Amino acid sequence: MKSVPLAVAKSEFWQLIVLLLADAVYLFVIIPLGIQDPEGFGIDQGLPPSFSARLAALLAAALMLLRLAQLRWGSASEVAPAAFADSDTDNPAGLPLRGLTGMVVALAFSIVLVPLVGFYAGAVVLLLVLLLVLGERSWPSLVLYPAIVTLLVWGLFAQLLSIRLPSGTLFGS
């Protein structure tokens, strides 16, 4: 791995410190003032209204602290943004075919697949097509990754948070 130049690391370090301070203000000031949890609200009634905001703030802080640790102990690497091309030999100066294909697939997912077959079946198709667009050709990966992601989304939304996602006109009641 290539280490980050000192000037870039210093700049990123201070940016992360400022973002961590902003995240702390959000977590300890804005959330308590802006999202009122009912008195005596327990876990048996479900998750409190402030749960998602607190979780997002804590996850953001954890990621920033991880990046700060990488910068501090030198295991971080500078990654240049990838240029869009539809194969490794193509000139990236043309149209970003992979990006455009991903957008078209996402639009088809939201406009056609979800209303027709539902969120979960549509998500499997979406992930399968996106993996193919990204160049994955291994059939075990093409089957396993969409299944795992869809099961995790189902477990989080349907089971843990009790949020029903659209079932579609083909499979809906």
C-alpha atoms as a PDB file:
ATOM      1  CA  MET A   1       0.000   0.000   0.000  1.00  0.00           C
ATOM      2  CA  LYS A   2       1.122   3.495  -0.810  1.00  0.00           C
ATOM      3  CA  SER A   3       1.092   5.826   2.175  1.00  0.00           C
ATOM      4  CA  VAL A   4      -0.647   9.178   2.115  1.00  0.00           C
ATOM      5  CA  PRO A   5       1.553  12.249   1.535  1.00  0.00           C
ATOM      6  CA  LEU A   6       2.010  14.297   4.713  1.00  0.00           C
ATOM      7  CA  ALA A   7       0.229  17.421   3.412  1.00  0.00           C
ATOM      8  CA  VAL A   8      -2.813  15.397   2.340  1.00  0.00           C
ATOM      9  CA  ALA A   9      -2.873  13.498   5.638  1.00  0.00           C
ATOM     10  CA  LYS A  10      -2.679  16.727   7.676  1.00  0.00           C
ATOM     11  CA  SER A  11      -5.462  18.319   5.667  1.00  0.00           C
ATOM     12  CA  GLU A  12      -7.658  15.243   5.944  1.00  0.00           C
ATOM     13  CA  PHE A  13      -6.885  14.960   9.666  1.00  0.00           C
ATOM     14  CA  TRP A  14      -8.159  18.484  10.371  1.00  0.00           C
ATOM     15  CA  GLN A  15     -11.187  18.000   8.137  1.00  0.00           C
ATOM     16  CA  LEU A  16     -12.074  14.876  10.102  1.00  0.00           C
ATOM     17  CA  ILE A  17     -11.637  16.719  13.421  1.00  0.00           C
ATOM     18  CA  VAL A  18     -14.034  19.458  12.260  1.00  0.00           C
ATOM     19  CA  LEU A  19     -16.525  16.851  11.044  1.00  0.00           C
ATOM     20  CA  LEU A  20     -16.267  14.967  14.345  1.00  0.00           C
ATOM     21  CA  LEU A  21     -17.029  18.179  16.243  1.00  0.00           C
ATOM     22  CA  ALA A  22     -20.029  18.814  13.986  1.00  0.00           C
ATOM     23  CA  ASP A  23     -21.158  15.229  14.540  1.00  0.00           C
ATOM     24  CA  ALA A  24     -20.841  15.687  18.320  1.00  0.00           C
ATOM     25  CA  VAL A  25     -22.980  18.848  18.153  1.00  0.00           C
ATOM     26  CA  TYR A  26     -25.554  16.927  16.119  1.00  0.00           C
ATOM     27  CA  LEU A  27     -25.527  13.974  18.531  1.00  0.00           C
ATOM     28  CA  PHE A  28     -25.535  15.876  21.825  1.00  0.00           C
ATOM     29  CA  VAL A  29     -27.387  19.115  20.957  1.00  0.00           C
ATOM     30  CA  ILE A  30     -29.501  18.900  17.812  1.00  0.00           C
ATOM     31  CA  ILE A  31     -30.964  15.417  18.354  1.00  0.00           C
ATOM     32  CA  PRO A  32     -32.037  16.017  21.985  1.00  0.00           C
ATOM     33  CA  LEU A  33     -33.552  19.399  21.082  1.00  0.00           C
ATOM     34  CA  GLY A  34     -35.133  18.313  17.802  1.00  0.00           C
ATOM     35  CA  ILE A  35     -36.371  14.776  18.448  1.00  0.00           C
ATOM     36  CA  GLN A  36     -38.405  14.334  21.607  1.00  0.00           C
ATOM     37  CA  ASP A  37     -38.662  10.771  22.899  1.00  0.00           C
ATOM     38  CA  PRO A  38     -41.876  10.130  24.888  1.00  0.00           C
ATOM     39  CA  GLU A  39     -41.539   9.863  28.686  1.00  0.00           C
ATOM     40  CA  GLY A  40     -41.100   6.317  29.918  1.00  0.00           C
ATOM     41  CA  PHE A  41     -40.549   5.005  26.391  1.00  0.00           C
ATOM     42  CA  GLY A  42     -39.099   1.514  26.687  1.00  0.00           C
ATOM     43  CA  ILE A  43     -37.723  -1.027  24.268  1.00  0.00           C
ATOM     44  CA  ASP A  44     -40.933  -3.071  24.621  1.00  0.00           C
ATOM     45  CA  GLN A  45     -42.796  -0.310  22.725  1.00  0.00           C
ATOM     46  CA  GLY A  46     -40.276  -0.421  19.894  1.00  0.00           C
ATOM     47  CA  LEU A  47     -37.388   1.826  19.045  1.00  0.00           C
ATOM     48  CA  PRO A  48     -37.518   5.455  20.223  1.00  0.00           C
ATOM     49  CA  PRO A  49     -37.943   8.182  17.579  1.00  0.00           C
ATOM     50  CA  SER A  50     -34.362   9.365  18.082  1.00  0.00           C
ATOM     51  CA  PHE A  51     -32.883   5.899  17.443  1.00  0.00           C
ATOM     52  CA  SER A  52     -32.124   6.307  13.707  1.00  0.00           C
ATOM     53  CA  ALA A  53     -30.585   9.748  14.129  1.00  0.00           C
ATOM     54  CA  ARG A  54     -28.401   8.585  17.021  1.00  0.00           C
ATOM     55  CA  LEU A  55     -27.373   5.444  15.129  1.00  0.00           C
ATOM     56  CA  ALA A  56     -26.393   7.468  12.043  1.00  0.00           C
ATOM     57  CA  ALA A  57     -24.371   9.914  14.163  1.00  0.00           C
ATOM     58  CA  LEU A  58     -22.604   7.098  16.027  1.00  0.00           C
ATOM     59  CA  LEU A  59     -21.795   5.214  12.808  1.00  0.00           C
ATOM     60  CA  ALA A  60     -20.438   8.400  11.215  1.00  0.00           C
ATOM     61  CA  ALA A  61     -18.288   9.056  14.296  1.00  0.00           C
ATOM     62  CA  ALA A  62     -16.998   5.473  14.274  1.00  0.00           C
ATOM     63  CA  LEU A  63     -16.009   5.719  10.599  1.00  0.00           C
ATOM     64  CA  MET A  64     -14.279   9.058  11.145  1.00  0.00           C
ATOM     65  CA  LEU A  65     -12.399   7.710  14.176  1.00  0.00           C
ATOM     66  CA  LEU A  66     -11.333   4.680  12.154  1.00  0.00           C
ATOM     67  CA  ARG A  67     -10.015   6.931   9.388  1.00  0.00           C
ATOM     68  CA  LEU A  68      -8.199   9.091  11.955  1.00  0.00           C
ATOM     69  CA  ALA A  69      -6.557   5.957  13.351  1.00  0.00           C
ATOM     70  CA  GLN A  70      -5.512   4.936   9.826  1.00  0.00           C
ATOM     71  CA  LEU A  71      -3.982   8.350   9.236  1.00  0.00           C
ATOM     72  CA  ARG A  72      -2.230   8.324  12.611  1.00  0.00           C
ATOM     73  CA  TRP A  73      -0.628   4.897  12.326  1.00  0.00           C
ATOM     74  CA  GLY A  74       0.203   5.114   8.629  1.00  0.00           C
ATOM     75  CA  SER A  75      -1.810   2.236   7.231  1.00  0.00           C
ATOM     76  CA  ALA A  76      -4.002   4.528   5.154  1.00  0.00           C
ATOM     77  CA  SER A  77      -3.647   4.644   1.417  1.00  0.00           C
ATOM     78  CA  GLU A  78      -4.444   7.328  -1.066  1.00  0.00           C
ATOM     79  CA  VAL A  79      -6.969   6.074  -3.557  1.00  0.00           C
ATOM     80  CA  ALA A  80      -7.469   8.022  -6.742  1.00  0.00           C
ATOM     81  CA  PRO A  81     -11.055   8.178  -7.995  1.00  0.00           C
ATOM     82  CA  ALA A  82     -11.709   5.513 -10.597  1.00  0.00           C
ATOM     83  CA  ALA A  83     -12.331   6.647 -14.148  1.00  0.00           C
ATOM     84  CA  PHE A  84     -15.459   5.280 -15.814  1.00  0.00           C
ATOM     85  CA  ALA A  85     -14.968   2.832 -18.645  1.00  0.00           C
ATOM     86  CA  ASP A  86     -16.736  -0.354 -19.633  1.00  0.00           C
ATOM     87  CA  SER A  87     -13.543  -2.431 -19.668  1.00  0.00           C
ATOM     88  CA  ASP A  88      -9.969  -2.129 -18.468  1.00  0.00           C
ATOM     89  CA  THR A  89      -8.657  -1.382 -21.949  1.00  0.00           C
ATOM     90  CA  ASP A  90     -11.148   1.367 -22.812  1.00  0.00           C
ATOM     91  CA  ASN A  91     -10.272   5.021 -22.800  1.00  0.00           C
ATOM     92  CA  PRO A  92     -12.077   6.624 -19.845  1.00  0.00           C
ATOM     93  CA  ALA A  93     -12.593   9.844 -21.817  1.00  0.00           C
ATOM     94  CA  GLY A  94     -15.824   8.515 -23.380  1.00  0.00           C
ATOM     95  CA  LEU A  95     -19.260   8.135 -21.858  1.00  0.00           C
ATOM     96  CA  PRO A  96     -19.350   6.585 -18.390  1.00  0.00           C
ATOM     97  CA  LEU A  97     -21.156   3.440 -19.559  1.00  0.00           C
ATOM     98  CA  ARG A  98     -21.060   1.625 -16.224  1.00  0.00           C
ATOM     99  CA  GLY A  99     -22.393   4.639 -14.364  1.00  0.00           C
ATOM    100  CA  LEU A 100     -25.158   5.227 -16.893  1.00  0.00           C
ATOM    101  CA  THR A 101     -26.081   1.540 -16.896  1.00  0.00           C
ATOM    102  CA  GLY A 102     -26.271   1.563 -13.106  1.00  0.00           C
ATOM    103  CA  MET A 103     -28.596   4.579 -13.197  1.00  0.00           C
ATOM    104  CA  VAL A 104     -30.856   2.958 -15.799  1.00  0.00           C
ATOM    105  CA  VAL A 105     -31.017  -0.252 -13.753  1.00  0.00           C
ATOM    106  CA  ALA A 106     -31.822   1.712 -10.576  1.00  0.00           C
ATOM    107  CA  LEU A 107     -34.606   3.601 -12.374  1.00  0.00           C
ATOM    108  CA  ALA A 108     -36.034   0.358 -13.744  1.00  0.00           C
ATOM    109  CA  PHE A 109     -35.892  -1.070 -10.216  1.00  0.00           C
ATOM    110  CA  SER A 110     -37.819   1.815  -8.686  1.00  0.00           C
ATOM    111  CA  ILE A 111     -40.315   2.407 -11.505  1.00  0.00           C
ATOM    112  CA  VAL A 112     -40.975  -1.114 -12.821  1.00  0.00           C
ATOM    113  CA  LEU A 113     -39.633  -3.880 -10.598  1.00  0.00           C
ATOM    114  CA  VAL A 114     -40.759  -2.741  -7.129  1.00  0.00           C
ATOM    115  CA  PRO A 115     -44.374  -2.010  -8.132  1.00  0.00           C
ATOM    116  CA  LEU A 116     -44.573  -5.225 -10.160  1.00  0.00           C
ATOM    117  CA  VAL A 117     -42.678  -7.923  -8.220  1.00  0.00           C
ATOM    118  CA  GLY A 118     -42.065  -6.180  -4.892  1.00  0.00           C
ATOM    119  CA  PHE A 119     -39.026  -4.861  -3.109  1.00  0.00           C
ATOM    120  CA  TYR A 120     -37.291  -8.118  -2.200  1.00  0.00           C
ATOM    121  CA  ALA A 121     -37.563  -9.855  -5.598  1.00  0.00           C
ATOM    122  CA  GLY A 122     -36.732  -6.565  -7.305  1.00  0.00           C
ATOM    123  CA  ALA A 123     -33.686  -6.124  -5.071  1.00  0.00           C
ATOM    124  CA  VAL A 124     -32.368  -9.546  -6.072  1.00  0.00           C
ATOM    125  CA  VAL A 125     -32.727  -8.647  -9.768  1.00  0.00           C
ATOM    126  CA  LEU A 126     -31.185  -5.196  -9.212  1.00  0.00           C
ATOM    127  CA  LEU A 127     -28.159  -6.597  -7.383  1.00  0.00           C
ATOM    128  CA  LEU A 128     -27.701  -9.361  -9.946  1.00  0.00           C
ATOM    129  CA  VAL A 129     -27.695  -6.899 -12.857  1.00  0.00           C
ATOM    130  CA  LEU A 130     -25.386  -4.460 -11.054  1.00  0.00           C
ATOM    131  CA  LEU A 131     -22.926  -7.251 -10.253  1.00  0.00           C
ATOM    132  CA  LEU A 132     -22.938  -8.251 -13.930  1.00  0.00           C
ATOM    133  CA  VAL A 133     -22.371  -4.621 -14.965  1.00  0.00           C
ATOM    134  CA  LEU A 134     -19.457  -4.385 -12.524  1.00  0.00           C
ATOM    135  CA  GLY A 135     -17.882  -7.421 -14.153  1.00  0.00           C
ATOM    136  CA  GLU A 136     -18.679 -10.247 -11.739  1.00  0.00           C
ATOM    137  CA  ARG A 137     -18.929 -13.535 -13.654  1.00  0.00           C
ATOM    138  CA  SER A 138     -18.669 -16.130 -10.894  1.00  0.00           C
ATOM    139  CA  TRP A 139     -22.080 -17.811 -10.530  1.00  0.00           C
ATOM    140  CA  PRO A 140     -21.722 -18.570  -6.824  1.00  0.00           C
ATOM    141  CA  SER A 141     -21.045 -14.869  -6.193  1.00  0.00           C
ATOM    142  CA  LEU A 142     -23.889 -13.805  -8.477  1.00  0.00           C
ATOM    143  CA  VAL A 143     -26.298 -15.962  -6.475  1.00  0.00           C
ATOM    144  CA  LEU A 144     -24.842 -15.565  -2.993  1.00  0.00           C
ATOM    145  CA  TYR A 145     -24.335 -11.778  -2.748  1.00  0.00           C
ATOM    146  CA  PRO A 146     -27.887 -10.738  -3.761  1.00  0.00           C
ATOM    147  CA  ALA A 147     -29.319 -13.428  -1.468  1.00  0.00           C
ATOM    148  CA  ILE A 148     -27.249 -12.272   1.519  1.00  0.00           C
ATOM    149  CA  VAL A 149     -28.015  -8.576   1.003  1.00  0.00           C
ATOM    150  CA  THR A 150     -31.734  -9.249   0.506  1.00  0.00           C
ATOM    151  CA  LEU A 151     -31.863 -11.432   3.624  1.00  0.00           C
ATOM    152  CA  LEU A 152     -30.103  -8.732   5.649  1.00  0.00           C
ATOM    153  CA  VAL A 153     -32.528  -6.056   4.407  1.00  0.00           C
ATOM    154  CA  TRP A 154     -35.495  -8.349   5.156  1.00  0.00           C
ATOM    155  CA  GLY A 155     -34.128  -9.098   8.631  1.00  0.00           C
ATOM    156  CA  LEU A 156     -33.537  -5.433   9.404  1.00  0.00           C
ATOM    157  CA  PHE A 157     -36.749  -3.966   8.026  1.00  0.00           C
ATOM    158  CA  ALA A 158     -39.357  -6.725   8.310  1.00  0.00           C
ATOM    159  CA  GLN A 159     -38.159  -8.438  11.474  1.00  0.00           C
ATOM    160  CA  LEU A 160     -36.228  -5.912  13.557  1.00  0.00           C
ATOM    161  CA  LEU A 161     -37.938  -2.629  12.659  1.00  0.00           C
ATOM    162  CA  SER A 162     -41.366  -4.064  11.646  1.00  0.00           C
ATOM    163  CA  ILE A 163     -41.401  -2.020   8.442  1.00  0.00           C
ATOM    164  CA  ARG A 164     -43.301  -3.602   5.574  1.00  0.00           C
ATOM    165  CA  LEU A 165     -41.703  -3.033   2.199  1.00  0.00           C
ATOM    166  CA  PRO A 166     -43.807  -3.168  -0.997  1.00  0.00           C
ATOM    167  CA  SER A 167     -44.795  -6.665  -2.108  1.00  0.00           C
ATOM    168  CA  GLY A 168     -45.772  -5.764  -5.682  1.00  0.00           C
ATOM    169  CA  THR A 169     -48.885  -6.491  -7.718  1.00  0.00           C
ATOM    170  CA  LEU A 170     -47.773  -9.979  -8.776  1.00  0.00           C
ATOM    171  CA  PHE A 171     -47.142 -11.255  -5.250  1.00  0.00           C
ATOM    172  CA  GLY A 172     -49.145  -8.785  -3.146  1.00  0.00           C
ATOM    173  CA  SER A 173     -52.447  -9.357  -1.470  1.00  0.00           C
END
